[in-house]
Amino acid sequence: MNALADQKLGAADIAALIRREISKGSLQLHDRLPPERVLSETYGAARGTIRKALTHLEKEGFVETRAGSGTYVVHKPDETSTNAIRNATPLELMDTRFALEPHICRLAVLHGRHADFDRMEDLCNRMEECLDDPVAFSEADTDFHRALAECTRNGLLIWILDQIANVRSEDDWTRMRHLTLDSRTIGIYNVQHRQILNAVRTREPERAANIMKEHLETARLSLTRASET
């Protein structure tokens, strides 16, 4: 588990790297992860960031933290889903998001609560502070889209969005993120995220779905241009 020395890794990136080690079997069921201090040195990140990454993995069912003992792998990789995640291209990911996320917006209007919208507001604020920090923006962006899915109260949709997040942690997506996430693009995404939240908060399902389509189309065009360079 070696971090790239020239990259700033956020909690989502570190969680993705550890998740990948688990999925490919380098870390196996019942293995104990190294202590936080060692993980901090390995990934060049603060211990608080490591703790947040482990919390992500625990919520996803990959690890379990046992008081006074350590953090253990509790996930047994499924080869079919692992291969689907590993082999998905960024543009395949966008097609999947187009199929799901506009309707997630509609369901969020139906089932979302004020506390959900407040959390998404906080995430919009976080993203708007990250114009010059693609790693931090990407982490908050992933959290925003998951929070939107959580508004649906649909466990299957939330699980599918988590698999999409796993694809976004793969090498191809990471490379594309570095090519596409400049301050101008982040600024456009921030406006769109804010518009999606406002439409969901004011209970306008079709408006929310249409803005999500516009947002995903912007991302698709950005990926297409980057893949041609």
Protein backbone atom coordinates (compact mmCIF):
# COMPACT_ATOMS: atom_id res chain seq x y z
CA MET A 1 0.00 0.00 0.00
CA ASN A 2 2.17 2.84 -1.28
CA ALA A 3 0.88 6.35 -1.86
CA LEU A 4 2.15 8.39 -4.78
CA ALA A 5 4.53 10.84 -3.21
CA ASP A 6 3.63 13.68 -5.56
CA GLN A 7 -0.12 13.54 -4.98
CA LYS A 8 -2.12 15.03 -2.16
CA LEU A 9 -4.47 12.29 -1.01
CA GLY A 10 -7.80 12.99 0.64
CA ALA A 11 -9.78 10.57 2.77
CA ALA A 12 -11.76 9.32 -0.25
CA ASP A 13 -8.53 8.64 -2.16
CA ILE A 14 -7.02 6.72 0.73
CA ALA A 15 -10.23 4.76 1.25
CA ALA A 16 -10.18 3.92 -2.46
CA LEU A 17 -6.59 2.68 -2.31
CA ILE A 18 -7.29 0.47 0.70
CA ARG A 19 -10.55 -0.73 -0.88
CA ARG A 20 -8.60 -1.71 -3.98
CA GLU A 21 -6.12 -3.72 -1.90
CA ILE A 22 -9.04 -5.54 -0.31
CA SER A 23 -10.84 -6.11 -3.62
CA LYS A 24 -7.81 -7.61 -5.34
CA GLY A 25 -6.96 -9.79 -2.33
CA SER A 26 -3.76 -8.12 -1.13
CA LEU A 27 -5.65 -7.55 2.11
CA GLN A 28 -7.82 -10.55 2.90
CA LEU A 29 -10.77 -11.36 5.13
CA HIS A 30 -9.81 -11.07 8.84
CA ASP A 31 -6.46 -9.34 8.11
CA ARG A 32 -5.67 -6.49 10.45
CA LEU A 33 -4.78 -3.17 8.86
CA PRO A 34 -1.62 -1.37 9.96
CA PRO A 35 -2.05 1.12 12.83
CA GLU A 36 -3.18 4.68 12.01
CA ARG A 37 0.35 5.95 12.61
CA VAL A 38 1.74 3.61 9.94
CA LEU A 39 -1.08 4.37 7.50
CA SER A 40 -0.45 8.07 8.06
CA GLU A 41 3.21 7.64 7.09
CA THR A 42 2.37 5.38 4.14
CA TYR A 43 -0.10 7.78 2.55
CA GLY A 44 1.47 11.05 3.69
CA ALA A 45 -1.75 12.16 5.37
CA ALA A 46 -2.79 13.38 8.80
CA ARG A 47 -4.16 10.80 11.19
CA GLY A 48 -7.53 12.56 11.13
CA THR A 49 -7.67 11.97 7.36
CA ILE A 50 -6.80 8.31 7.91
CA ARG A 51 -9.58 7.99 10.49
CA LYS A 52 -12.07 9.52 8.05
CA ALA A 53 -10.96 7.07 5.33
CA LEU A 54 -11.43 4.13 7.70
CA THR A 55 -14.86 5.45 8.67
CA HIS A 56 -15.81 5.49 4.97
CA LEU A 57 -14.67 1.89 4.60
CA GLU A 58 -16.48 0.81 7.74
CA LYS A 59 -19.76 2.33 6.51
CA GLU A 60 -19.30 0.47 3.23
CA GLY A 61 -18.74 -2.84 5.04
CA PHE A 62 -15.10 -3.29 4.05
CA VAL A 63 -13.53 -3.02 7.50
CA GLU A 64 -14.48 -3.16 11.15
CA THR A 65 -12.76 -1.22 13.92
CA ARG A 66 -12.57 -3.08 17.23
CA ALA A 67 -11.83 -1.03 20.33
CA GLY A 68 -8.43 -1.82 21.77
CA SER A 69 -7.63 -4.26 18.98
CA GLY A 70 -7.44 -2.48 15.63
CA THR A 71 -9.15 -2.36 12.24
CA TYR A 72 -9.88 -5.63 10.43
CA VAL A 73 -10.98 -6.58 6.92
CA VAL A 74 -14.53 -7.96 6.98
CA HIS A 75 -15.26 -7.86 3.24
CA LYS A 76 -14.91 -10.87 0.96
CA PRO A 77 -14.41 -9.69 -2.64
CA ASP A 78 -16.93 -10.74 -5.27
CA GLU A 79 -14.99 -11.39 -8.46
CA THR A 80 -17.82 -10.40 -10.82
CA SER A 81 -18.44 -6.98 -9.27
CA THR A 82 -14.71 -6.40 -8.80
CA ASN A 83 -14.05 -6.99 -12.51
CA ALA A 84 -16.96 -4.74 -13.51
CA ILE A 85 -15.54 -1.92 -11.39
CA ARG A 86 -11.96 -2.46 -12.53
CA ASN A 87 -12.83 -2.62 -16.24
CA ALA A 88 -15.33 0.27 -16.42
CA THR A 89 -14.17 3.29 -18.43
CA PRO A 90 -14.91 6.88 -17.37
CA LEU A 91 -17.39 7.26 -20.25
CA GLU A 92 -19.18 4.03 -19.25
CA LEU A 93 -19.42 5.50 -15.79
CA MET A 94 -21.08 8.63 -17.21
CA ASP A 95 -23.64 6.52 -19.12
CA THR A 96 -24.53 4.74 -15.88
CA ARG A 97 -24.88 8.02 -14.03
CA PHE A 98 -27.15 9.37 -16.79
CA ALA A 99 -29.39 6.33 -16.32
CA LEU A 100 -29.70 6.80 -12.56
CA GLU A 101 -29.03 10.24 -11.15
CA PRO A 102 -31.80 12.32 -12.80
CA HIS A 103 -34.38 9.94 -11.29
CA ILE A 104 -32.51 10.01 -7.97
CA CYS A 105 -33.22 13.76 -8.01
CA ARG A 106 -36.94 13.08 -8.44
CA LEU A 107 -36.95 10.62 -5.54
CA ALA A 108 -34.94 13.05 -3.42
CA VAL A 109 -37.71 15.60 -3.90
CA LEU A 110 -40.27 13.05 -2.72
CA HIS A 111 -38.37 11.64 0.25
CA GLY A 112 -35.69 14.16 1.21
CA ARG A 113 -35.83 15.82 4.63
CA HIS A 114 -34.66 19.21 5.86
CA ALA A 115 -31.67 17.61 7.59
CA ASP A 116 -30.63 16.03 4.25
CA PHE A 117 -30.81 19.38 2.51
CA ASP A 118 -28.81 21.06 5.27
CA ARG A 119 -26.08 18.45 4.85
CA MET A 120 -26.03 19.03 1.10
CA GLU A 121 -25.83 22.77 1.77
CA ASP A 122 -22.71 22.16 3.88
CA LEU A 123 -21.20 20.09 1.08
CA CYS A 124 -21.94 22.85 -1.46
CA ASN A 125 -20.13 25.27 0.82
CA ARG A 126 -17.18 22.88 1.05
CA MET A 127 -17.00 22.49 -2.73
CA GLU A 128 -17.12 26.25 -3.22
CA GLU A 129 -14.01 26.54 -1.04
CA CYS A 130 -12.10 24.08 -3.27
CA LEU A 131 -11.65 25.99 -6.55
CA ASP A 132 -7.92 25.36 -6.46
CA ASP A 133 -7.98 21.95 -4.75
CA PRO A 134 -9.25 19.21 -7.11
CA VAL A 135 -8.65 16.44 -4.55
CA ALA A 136 -10.73 18.10 -1.83
CA PHE A 137 -13.38 19.08 -4.38
CA SER A 138 -13.64 15.53 -5.71
CA GLU A 139 -14.06 14.16 -2.19
CA ALA A 140 -16.84 16.64 -1.36
CA ASP A 141 -18.41 16.06 -4.80
CA THR A 142 -18.62 12.30 -4.13
CA ASP A 143 -20.17 13.01 -0.73
CA PHE A 144 -22.73 15.38 -2.32
CA HIS A 145 -23.94 12.82 -4.84
CA ARG A 146 -24.11 10.14 -2.15
CA ALA A 147 -26.08 12.50 0.10
CA LEU A 148 -28.49 13.06 -2.77
CA ALA A 149 -28.92 9.29 -3.13
CA GLU A 150 -29.46 8.95 0.62
CA CYS A 151 -32.43 11.34 0.30
CA THR A 152 -34.23 8.60 -1.64
CA ARG A 153 -34.27 6.23 1.36
CA ASN A 154 -33.64 3.48 -1.22
CA GLY A 155 -30.88 1.16 -0.03
CA LEU A 156 -30.35 -0.42 -3.44
CA LEU A 157 -29.84 2.94 -5.16
CA ILE A 158 -27.44 4.02 -2.42
CA TRP A 159 -25.46 0.79 -2.90
CA ILE A 160 -25.30 1.35 -6.67
CA LEU A 161 -24.03 4.90 -6.13
CA ASP A 162 -21.35 3.47 -3.85
CA GLN A 163 -20.23 1.17 -6.69
CA ILE A 164 -20.06 4.22 -8.97
CA ALA A 165 -17.85 5.89 -6.36
CA ASN A 166 -15.63 2.80 -6.46
CA VAL A 167 -15.25 3.19 -10.23
CA ARG A 168 -14.31 6.84 -9.70
CA SER A 169 -11.42 5.68 -7.52
CA GLU A 170 -9.86 3.60 -10.29
CA ASP A 171 -6.70 4.75 -12.07
CA ASP A 172 -8.43 5.91 -15.30
CA TRP A 173 -10.83 8.13 -13.40
CA THR A 174 -8.06 9.52 -11.19
CA ARG A 175 -6.05 10.42 -14.30
CA MET A 176 -9.09 12.09 -15.88
CA ARG A 177 -9.75 14.04 -12.70
CA HIS A 178 -6.30 15.59 -12.89
CA LEU A 179 -6.87 16.47 -16.55
CA THR A 180 -10.36 17.96 -16.20
CA LEU A 181 -10.73 19.55 -12.76
CA ASP A 182 -9.37 23.06 -13.17
CA SER A 183 -10.78 26.06 -11.29
CA ARG A 184 -13.08 27.04 -14.18
CA THR A 185 -14.66 23.57 -14.40
CA ILE A 186 -15.00 23.31 -10.63
CA GLY A 187 -16.75 26.69 -10.66
CA ILE A 188 -19.27 25.45 -13.26
CA TYR A 189 -19.91 22.27 -11.26
CA ASN A 190 -20.44 24.32 -8.11
CA VAL A 191 -23.14 26.41 -9.78
CA GLN A 192 -24.86 23.26 -11.02
CA HIS A 193 -24.67 21.53 -7.63
CA ARG A 194 -26.20 24.58 -5.99
CA GLN A 195 -29.00 24.66 -8.59
CA ILE A 196 -29.74 20.95 -8.04
CA LEU A 197 -29.96 21.47 -4.30
CA ASN A 198 -32.27 24.49 -4.69
CA ALA A 199 -34.59 22.56 -7.01
CA VAL A 200 -34.73 19.59 -4.63
CA ARG A 201 -35.30 21.87 -1.63
CA THR A 202 -38.18 23.67 -3.37
CA ARG A 203 -39.70 20.31 -4.39
CA GLU A 204 -39.37 20.69 -8.18
CA PRO A 205 -38.61 17.14 -9.39
CA GLU A 206 -38.36 17.73 -13.14
CA ARG A 207 -36.30 20.88 -12.74
CA ALA A 208 -33.90 18.99 -10.46
CA ALA A 209 -33.68 16.08 -12.93
CA ASN A 210 -33.04 18.41 -15.87
CA ILE A 211 -30.27 20.30 -14.06
CA MET A 212 -28.68 16.96 -13.16
CA LYS A 213 -28.76 15.99 -16.85
CA GLU A 214 -27.06 19.29 -17.70
CA HIS A 215 -24.48 18.68 -14.99
CA LEU A 216 -23.70 15.17 -16.25
CA GLU A 217 -23.52 16.40 -19.84
CA THR A 218 -20.97 19.00 -18.78
CA ALA A 219 -18.92 16.27 -17.11
CA ARG A 220 -19.22 13.99 -20.14
CA LEU A 221 -17.99 16.70 -22.52
CA SER A 222 -15.08 17.44 -20.22
CA LEU A 223 -14.12 13.76 -20.13
CA THR A 224 -14.46 13.41 -23.90
CA ARG A 225 -12.16 16.37 -24.52
CA ALA A 226 -9.62 15.05 -22.02
CA SER A 227 -9.62 11.59 -23.60
CA GLU A 228 -8.75 13.15 -26.97
CA THR A 229 -5.62 14.87 -25.63
